Amino acid sequence: MKVLLLGATGNVGSRLAPALLAHKHEVVAIVRSESKLQGVLPSAVLSAITVIQGDATNAASIRDVLVSQGCDALINSAGQASIFPWQAPRMQDIINAVATAAVEASTKLGHPIRGWFLGPQERLRWSLLCPSVMTPVNKTVALPDGTPSNPLVASADIPPGWTSSWLNSIPFLGPLVIVLVNAPRYNIKLEDCADFMAADLEKVDSEFIGHRVGLRDSGNGKTS
């Protein structure tokens, strides 16, 4: 599958590029700064992907890349949510632009674009990643050398393996205690998250299309 990747210089995107290659996908990356990408990805990854300089908020240019490159799917890991009320909501602008581009490209290409997003949208064969805390296994990015370090457990629309108890009946304090008890199990590794999305794109009809996707550590993998 040929995949357009946005946000390749970020924490998630820089792990997605090698993960996609490891799953035999072709990768096209749109970045604002090629020099920044060169400082993030190793040469073995850079030499194996197509890099195009562009703006992730420009729907027309993203559409043109999807069409000209003949992409089958995209992953949008670009942008950040606004932390302060006076900040411009760049993340939502990017999501809107990417979704618009994908819908228009789908029409031109004659097939629907499969997409993974880290923010909500409604017009594609989308999946919305809903991770908790993500930390890197390694500070530097590299091609995977085999199976993921810790395969993740996933579920649609609810956190996988969420446990409740009688504490939930206690007003205010009970639900908070349950969240605090469950939360540590949802801390995952960036590399495992990237591998999960790359592997899912290998499926023709993923069970996660049209769903929010929760992830947690399986506890069965190797440690780094």
C-alpha atoms as a PDB file:
ATOM      1  CA  MET A   1       0.000   0.000   0.000  1.00  0.00           C
ATOM      2  CA  LYS A   2       1.245   3.504  -0.798  1.00  0.00           C
ATOM      3  CA  VAL A   3       0.823   5.743   2.240  1.00  0.00           C
ATOM      4  CA  LEU A   4       0.986   9.521   2.552  1.00  0.00           C
ATOM      5  CA  LEU A   5       2.462  10.501   5.923  1.00  0.00           C
ATOM      6  CA  LEU A   6       1.990  13.949   7.446  1.00  0.00           C
ATOM      7  CA  GLY A   7       3.909  14.937  10.561  1.00  0.00           C
ATOM      8  CA  ALA A   8       6.995  12.829   9.812  1.00  0.00           C
ATOM      9  CA  THR A   9       9.244  15.093  11.913  1.00  0.00           C
ATOM     10  CA  GLY A  10       7.200  14.615  15.090  1.00  0.00           C
ATOM     11  CA  ASN A  11       7.436  12.024  17.853  1.00  0.00           C
ATOM     12  CA  VAL A  12       4.767   9.763  16.359  1.00  0.00           C
ATOM     13  CA  GLY A  13       5.451  10.470  12.683  1.00  0.00           C
ATOM     14  CA  SER A  14       9.183   9.793  12.931  1.00  0.00           C
ATOM     15  CA  ARG A  15       8.376   6.324  14.284  1.00  0.00           C
ATOM     16  CA  LEU A  16       5.683   5.772  11.683  1.00  0.00           C
ATOM     17  CA  ALA A  17       8.046   6.173   8.725  1.00  0.00           C
ATOM     18  CA  PRO A  18      10.246   3.157   9.621  1.00  0.00           C
ATOM     19  CA  ALA A  19       7.241   1.161  10.852  1.00  0.00           C
ATOM     20  CA  LEU A  20       5.459   1.624   7.522  1.00  0.00           C
ATOM     21  CA  LEU A  21       8.570   0.536   5.636  1.00  0.00           C
ATOM     22  CA  ALA A  22       8.898  -2.523   7.864  1.00  0.00           C
ATOM     23  CA  HIS A  23       5.343  -3.489   6.877  1.00  0.00           C
ATOM     24  CA  LYS A  24       6.277  -3.187   3.178  1.00  0.00           C
ATOM     25  CA  HIS A  25       4.322   0.011   2.541  1.00  0.00           C
ATOM     26  CA  GLU A  26       5.606   2.696   0.193  1.00  0.00           C
ATOM     27  CA  VAL A  27       5.898   6.017   2.032  1.00  0.00           C
ATOM     28  CA  VAL A  28       5.398   9.566   0.760  1.00  0.00           C
ATOM     29  CA  ALA A  29       6.005  12.277   3.377  1.00  0.00           C
ATOM     30  CA  ILE A  30       4.867  15.900   3.194  1.00  0.00           C
ATOM     31  CA  VAL A  31       7.008  18.101   5.440  1.00  0.00           C
ATOM     32  CA  ARG A  32       7.493  21.816   5.965  1.00  0.00           C
ATOM     33  CA  SER A  33      11.258  21.441   6.395  1.00  0.00           C
ATOM     34  CA  GLU A  34      13.300  18.805   4.607  1.00  0.00           C
ATOM     35  CA  SER A  35      16.371  19.752   6.647  1.00  0.00           C
ATOM     36  CA  LYS A  36      14.492  19.087   9.890  1.00  0.00           C
ATOM     37  CA  LEU A  37      13.446  15.679   8.581  1.00  0.00           C
ATOM     38  CA  GLN A  38      17.071  14.886   7.742  1.00  0.00           C
ATOM     39  CA  GLY A  39      17.947  15.586  11.356  1.00  0.00           C
ATOM     40  CA  VAL A  40      15.253  13.221  12.640  1.00  0.00           C
ATOM     41  CA  LEU A  41      15.285  10.165  10.374  1.00  0.00           C
ATOM     42  CA  PRO A  42      18.298   7.941   9.705  1.00  0.00           C
ATOM     43  CA  SER A  43      19.644   7.796   6.163  1.00  0.00           C
ATOM     44  CA  ALA A  44      18.359   4.234   5.682  1.00  0.00           C
ATOM     45  CA  VAL A  45      14.804   5.498   6.186  1.00  0.00           C
ATOM     46  CA  LEU A  46      15.233   8.761   4.268  1.00  0.00           C
ATOM     47  CA  SER A  47      16.587   6.970   1.213  1.00  0.00           C
ATOM     48  CA  ALA A  48      13.570   4.645   1.148  1.00  0.00           C
ATOM     49  CA  ILE A  49      10.804   7.274   1.210  1.00  0.00           C
ATOM     50  CA  THR A  50       9.636  10.057  -1.086  1.00  0.00           C
ATOM     51  CA  VAL A  51       9.836  13.491   0.552  1.00  0.00           C
ATOM     52  CA  ILE A  52       7.772  16.436  -0.678  1.00  0.00           C
ATOM     53  CA  GLN A  53       7.952  19.889   0.846  1.00  0.00           C
ATOM     54  CA  GLY A  54       4.514  21.320   1.555  1.00  0.00           C
ATOM     55  CA  ASP A  55       1.975  22.741   3.978  1.00  0.00           C
ATOM     56  CA  ALA A  56      -0.280  20.393   5.936  1.00  0.00           C
ATOM     57  CA  THR A  57      -3.022  23.040   6.017  1.00  0.00           C
ATOM     58  CA  ASN A  58      -3.192  23.344   2.218  1.00  0.00           C
ATOM     59  CA  ALA A  59      -5.919  20.918   1.113  1.00  0.00           C
ATOM     60  CA  ALA A  60      -5.310  21.453  -2.615  1.00  0.00           C
ATOM     61  CA  SER A  61      -1.605  20.620  -2.451  1.00  0.00           C
ATOM     62  CA  ILE A  62      -2.225  17.542  -0.289  1.00  0.00           C
ATOM     63  CA  ARG A  63      -4.898  16.367  -2.738  1.00  0.00           C
ATOM     64  CA  ASP A  64      -2.507  16.839  -5.644  1.00  0.00           C
ATOM     65  CA  VAL A  65       0.178  14.755  -3.905  1.00  0.00           C
ATOM     66  CA  LEU A  66      -2.317  11.980  -3.119  1.00  0.00           C
ATOM     67  CA  VAL A  67      -3.402  11.877  -6.767  1.00  0.00           C
ATOM     68  CA  SER A  68      -0.012  12.325  -8.453  1.00  0.00           C
ATOM     69  CA  GLN A  69       1.620   9.716  -6.197  1.00  0.00           C
ATOM     70  CA  GLY A  70      -1.327   7.307  -6.463  1.00  0.00           C
ATOM     71  CA  CYS A  71      -1.661   6.913  -2.693  1.00  0.00           C
ATOM     72  CA  ASP A  72      -3.992   4.314  -1.193  1.00  0.00           C
ATOM     73  CA  ALA A  73      -3.913   5.561   2.393  1.00  0.00           C
ATOM     74  CA  LEU A  74      -2.728   8.350   4.644  1.00  0.00           C
ATOM     75  CA  ILE A  75      -1.734   8.846   8.258  1.00  0.00           C
ATOM     76  CA  ASN A  76      -2.012  12.320   9.750  1.00  0.00           C
ATOM     77  CA  SER A  77       0.182  12.796  12.823  1.00  0.00           C
ATOM     78  CA  ALA A  78       0.808  16.496  12.166  1.00  0.00           C
ATOM     79  CA  GLY A  79      -0.204  19.383  14.389  1.00  0.00           C
ATOM     80  CA  GLN A  80      -0.802  19.952  18.059  1.00  0.00           C
ATOM     81  CA  ALA A  81      -3.951  20.790  19.959  1.00  0.00           C
ATOM     82  CA  SER A  82      -4.096  24.318  21.381  1.00  0.00           C
ATOM     83  CA  ILE A  83      -2.953  24.506  24.984  1.00  0.00           C
ATOM     84  CA  PHE A  84      -3.923  28.132  25.605  1.00  0.00           C
ATOM     85  CA  PRO A  85      -7.167  29.811  24.451  1.00  0.00           C
ATOM     86  CA  TRP A  86      -5.321  32.502  22.497  1.00  0.00           C
ATOM     87  CA  GLN A  87      -3.434  29.969  20.370  1.00  0.00           C
ATOM     88  CA  ALA A  88      -4.674  29.217  16.850  1.00  0.00           C
ATOM     89  CA  PRO A  89      -6.147  25.679  16.571  1.00  0.00           C
ATOM     90  CA  ARG A  90      -3.597  24.437  14.026  1.00  0.00           C
ATOM     91  CA  MET A  91      -4.382  20.782  14.681  1.00  0.00           C
ATOM     92  CA  GLN A  92      -8.019  21.116  13.634  1.00  0.00           C
ATOM     93  CA  ASP A  93      -7.025  23.180  10.583  1.00  0.00           C
ATOM     94  CA  ILE A  94      -4.681  20.381   9.512  1.00  0.00           C
ATOM     95  CA  ILE A  95      -7.296  17.678  10.099  1.00  0.00           C
ATOM     96  CA  ASN A  96      -9.865  19.593   8.053  1.00  0.00           C
ATOM     97  CA  ALA A  97      -7.388  20.163   5.218  1.00  0.00           C
ATOM     98  CA  VAL A  98      -6.244  16.532   5.136  1.00  0.00           C
ATOM     99  CA  ALA A  99      -9.825  15.218   5.233  1.00  0.00           C
ATOM    100  CA  THR A 100     -10.902  17.557   2.433  1.00  0.00           C
ATOM    101  CA  ALA A 101      -7.889  16.565   0.351  1.00  0.00           C
ATOM    102  CA  ALA A 102      -8.533  12.856   0.880  1.00  0.00           C
ATOM    103  CA  VAL A 103     -12.204  13.087  -0.070  1.00  0.00           C
ATOM    104  CA  GLU A 104     -11.367  14.976  -3.262  1.00  0.00           C
ATOM    105  CA  ALA A 105      -8.473  12.633  -4.081  1.00  0.00           C
ATOM    106  CA  SER A 106     -10.719   9.607  -3.557  1.00  0.00           C
ATOM    107  CA  THR A 107     -13.044  10.927  -6.256  1.00  0.00           C
ATOM    108  CA  LYS A 108     -10.196  11.560  -8.679  1.00  0.00           C
ATOM    109  CA  LEU A 109      -8.501   8.223  -8.012  1.00  0.00           C
ATOM    110  CA  GLY A 110     -11.725   6.229  -8.106  1.00  0.00           C
ATOM    111  CA  HIS A 111     -11.196   4.496  -4.764  1.00  0.00           C
ATOM    112  CA  PRO A 112     -11.622   5.537  -1.106  1.00  0.00           C
ATOM    113  CA  ILE A 113      -8.541   6.685   0.777  1.00  0.00           C
ATOM    114  CA  ARG A 114      -7.947   4.770   4.017  1.00  0.00           C
ATOM    115  CA  GLY A 115      -6.887   7.077   6.837  1.00  0.00           C
ATOM    116  CA  TRP A 116      -5.537   7.100  10.377  1.00  0.00           C
ATOM    117  CA  PHE A 117      -5.975  10.356  12.314  1.00  0.00           C
ATOM    118  CA  LEU A 118      -4.946  11.670  15.721  1.00  0.00           C
ATOM    119  CA  GLY A 119      -7.966  13.980  15.714  1.00  0.00           C
ATOM    120  CA  PRO A 120     -11.648  13.629  14.741  1.00  0.00           C
ATOM    121  CA  GLN A 121     -13.153  13.834  11.253  1.00  0.00           C
ATOM    122  CA  GLU A 122     -16.149  12.285   9.529  1.00  0.00           C
ATOM    123  CA  ARG A 123     -15.735  12.009   5.760  1.00  0.00           C
ATOM    124  CA  LEU A 124     -13.349   9.100   5.175  1.00  0.00           C
ATOM    125  CA  ARG A 125     -12.676   5.462   6.036  1.00  0.00           C
ATOM    126  CA  TRP A 126     -11.101   6.846   9.174  1.00  0.00           C
ATOM    127  CA  SER A 127      -9.784   5.529  12.465  1.00  0.00           C
ATOM    128  CA  LEU A 128      -9.137   7.882  15.388  1.00  0.00           C
ATOM    129  CA  LEU A 129      -6.205   6.970  17.589  1.00  0.00           C
ATOM    130  CA  CYS A 130      -6.916   7.700  21.272  1.00  0.00           C
ATOM    131  CA  PRO A 131      -3.671   6.968  23.131  1.00  0.00           C
ATOM    132  CA  SER A 132      -2.743   7.848  26.684  1.00  0.00           C
ATOM    133  CA  VAL A 133       0.879   8.700  27.520  1.00  0.00           C
ATOM    134  CA  MET A 134       3.334   7.673  24.772  1.00  0.00           C
ATOM    135  CA  THR A 135       7.068   7.439  25.440  1.00  0.00           C
ATOM    136  CA  PRO A 136       9.897   6.329  23.119  1.00  0.00           C
ATOM    137  CA  VAL A 137      11.759   3.054  23.473  1.00  0.00           C
ATOM    138  CA  ASN A 138      14.796   4.739  21.932  1.00  0.00           C
ATOM    139  CA  LYS A 139      15.663   8.418  21.621  1.00  0.00           C
ATOM    140  CA  THR A 140      16.880   7.878  18.056  1.00  0.00           C
ATOM    141  CA  VAL A 141      14.730   6.624  15.180  1.00  0.00           C
ATOM    142  CA  ALA A 142      15.688   3.411  13.368  1.00  0.00           C
ATOM    143  CA  LEU A 143      14.182   0.745  11.154  1.00  0.00           C
ATOM    144  CA  PRO A 144      12.559  -2.015  13.244  1.00  0.00           C
ATOM    145  CA  ASP A 145      14.660  -5.149  13.548  1.00  0.00           C
ATOM    146  CA  GLY A 146      11.750  -7.581  13.915  1.00  0.00           C
ATOM    147  CA  THR A 147       8.509  -7.820  15.844  1.00  0.00           C
ATOM    148  CA  PRO A 148       7.380  -4.857  17.945  1.00  0.00           C
ATOM    149  CA  SER A 149       8.850  -4.742  21.444  1.00  0.00           C
ATOM    150  CA  ASN A 150       5.425  -5.093  23.021  1.00  0.00           C
ATOM    151  CA  PRO A 151       2.399  -5.784  20.790  1.00  0.00           C
ATOM    152  CA  LEU A 152      -0.544  -3.652  21.860  1.00  0.00           C
ATOM    153  CA  VAL A 153      -4.059  -4.623  22.831  1.00  0.00           C
ATOM    154  CA  ALA A 154      -6.678  -2.536  20.998  1.00  0.00           C
ATOM    155  CA  SER A 155     -10.422  -2.046  21.176  1.00  0.00           C
ATOM    156  CA  ALA A 156     -12.968   0.126  19.401  1.00  0.00           C
ATOM    157  CA  ASP A 157     -14.737   2.971  21.208  1.00  0.00           C
ATOM    158  CA  ILE A 158     -13.856   1.841  24.751  1.00  0.00           C
ATOM    159  CA  PRO A 159     -10.481   1.493  26.509  1.00  0.00           C
ATOM    160  CA  PRO A 160      -9.355  -2.139  26.202  1.00  0.00           C
ATOM    161  CA  GLY A 161      -9.503  -4.066  29.450  1.00  0.00           C
ATOM    162  CA  TRP A 162     -10.965  -1.200  31.482  1.00  0.00           C
ATOM    163  CA  THR A 163     -11.938  -2.442  34.940  1.00  0.00           C
ATOM    164  CA  SER A 164     -14.626  -1.005  37.168  1.00  0.00           C
ATOM    165  CA  SER A 165     -15.830  -1.786  40.674  1.00  0.00           C
ATOM    166  CA  TRP A 166     -18.292  -0.818  43.382  1.00  0.00           C
ATOM    167  CA  LEU A 167     -16.221   2.343  43.855  1.00  0.00           C
ATOM    168  CA  ASN A 168     -17.963   3.750  40.794  1.00  0.00           C
ATOM    169  CA  SER A 169     -21.091   4.219  42.909  1.00  0.00           C
ATOM    170  CA  ILE A 170     -19.324   6.697  45.203  1.00  0.00           C
ATOM    171  CA  PRO A 171     -20.108  10.232  43.942  1.00  0.00           C
ATOM    172  CA  PHE A 172     -17.174  12.246  42.560  1.00  0.00           C
ATOM    173  CA  LEU A 173     -14.365  10.360  44.311  1.00  0.00           C
ATOM    174  CA  GLY A 174     -15.207   6.835  43.129  1.00  0.00           C
ATOM    175  CA  PRO A 175     -14.869   7.396  39.349  1.00  0.00           C
ATOM    176  CA  LEU A 176     -11.629   9.327  39.935  1.00  0.00           C
ATOM    177  CA  VAL A 177     -10.132   6.441  41.916  1.00  0.00           C
ATOM    178  CA  ILE A 178     -11.074   3.998  39.135  1.00  0.00           C
ATOM    179  CA  VAL A 179      -9.367   6.206  36.533  1.00  0.00           C
ATOM    180  CA  LEU A 180      -6.219   6.437  38.669  1.00  0.00           C
ATOM    181  CA  VAL A 181      -6.155   2.642  39.102  1.00  0.00           C
ATOM    182  CA  ASN A 182      -6.584   1.965  35.382  1.00  0.00           C
ATOM    183  CA  ALA A 183      -4.427   4.773  33.944  1.00  0.00           C
ATOM    184  CA  PRO A 184      -0.926   3.234  34.296  1.00  0.00           C
ATOM    185  CA  ARG A 185      -1.909   0.275  32.063  1.00  0.00           C
ATOM    186  CA  TYR A 186      -2.544   2.626  29.143  1.00  0.00           C
ATOM    187  CA  ASN A 187       0.969   4.073  28.956  1.00  0.00           C
ATOM    188  CA  ILE A 188       2.448   2.800  25.673  1.00  0.00           C
ATOM    189  CA  LYS A 189       5.581   3.108  23.561  1.00  0.00           C
ATOM    190  CA  LEU A 190       5.717   5.343  20.486  1.00  0.00           C
ATOM    191  CA  GLU A 191       7.318   2.592  18.419  1.00  0.00           C
ATOM    192  CA  ASP A 192       4.571   0.102  19.296  1.00  0.00           C
ATOM    193  CA  CYS A 193       1.895   2.652  18.469  1.00  0.00           C
ATOM    194  CA  ALA A 194       3.495   3.318  15.082  1.00  0.00           C
ATOM    195  CA  ASP A 195       3.750  -0.408  14.349  1.00  0.00           C
ATOM    196  CA  PHE A 196       0.089  -0.917  15.260  1.00  0.00           C
ATOM    197  CA  MET A 197      -1.111   1.676  12.712  1.00  0.00           C
ATOM    198  CA  ALA A 198       1.260   0.414  10.018  1.00  0.00           C
ATOM    199  CA  ALA A 199       0.061  -3.166  10.539  1.00  0.00           C
ATOM    200  CA  ASP A 200      -3.602  -2.114  10.466  1.00  0.00           C
ATOM    201  CA  LEU A 201      -3.146  -0.555   7.023  1.00  0.00           C
ATOM    202  CA  GLU A 202      -2.345  -4.033   5.689  1.00  0.00           C
ATOM    203  CA  LYS A 203      -5.977  -5.017   6.276  1.00  0.00           C
ATOM    204  CA  VAL A 204      -8.470  -4.444   3.451  1.00  0.00           C
ATOM    205  CA  ASP A 205     -11.394  -4.055   5.849  1.00  0.00           C
ATOM    206  CA  SER A 206     -10.069  -3.166   9.263  1.00  0.00           C
ATOM    207  CA  GLU A 207     -12.401  -3.606  12.210  1.00  0.00           C
ATOM    208  CA  PHE A 208     -11.305  -0.151  13.367  1.00  0.00           C
ATOM    209  CA  ILE A 209     -12.643   1.814  10.384  1.00  0.00           C
ATOM    210  CA  GLY A 210     -15.106   4.400  11.666  1.00  0.00           C
ATOM    211  CA  HIS A 211     -14.084   3.956  15.300  1.00  0.00           C
ATOM    212  CA  ARG A 212     -12.089   5.565  18.055  1.00  0.00           C
ATOM    213  CA  VAL A 213      -9.305   3.162  18.982  1.00  0.00           C
ATOM    214  CA  GLY A 214      -7.984   2.659  22.489  1.00  0.00           C
ATOM    215  CA  LEU A 215      -4.614   0.995  23.089  1.00  0.00           C
ATOM    216  CA  ARG A 216      -2.860  -0.542  26.057  1.00  0.00           C
ATOM    217  CA  ASP A 217       0.325  -2.431  26.815  1.00  0.00           C
ATOM    218  CA  SER A 218      -0.147  -6.180  26.413  1.00  0.00           C
ATOM    219  CA  GLY A 219       2.474  -6.928  29.052  1.00  0.00           C
ATOM    220  CA  ASN A 220       3.726  -9.851  26.959  1.00  0.00           C
ATOM    221  CA  GLY A 221       6.507  -8.312  24.914  1.00  0.00           C
ATOM    222  CA  LYS A 222      10.246  -8.015  25.275  1.00  0.00           C
ATOM    223  CA  THR A 223      11.722  -5.135  27.222  1.00  0.00           C
ATOM    224  CA  SER A 224      14.257  -2.642  25.964  1.00  0.00           C
END
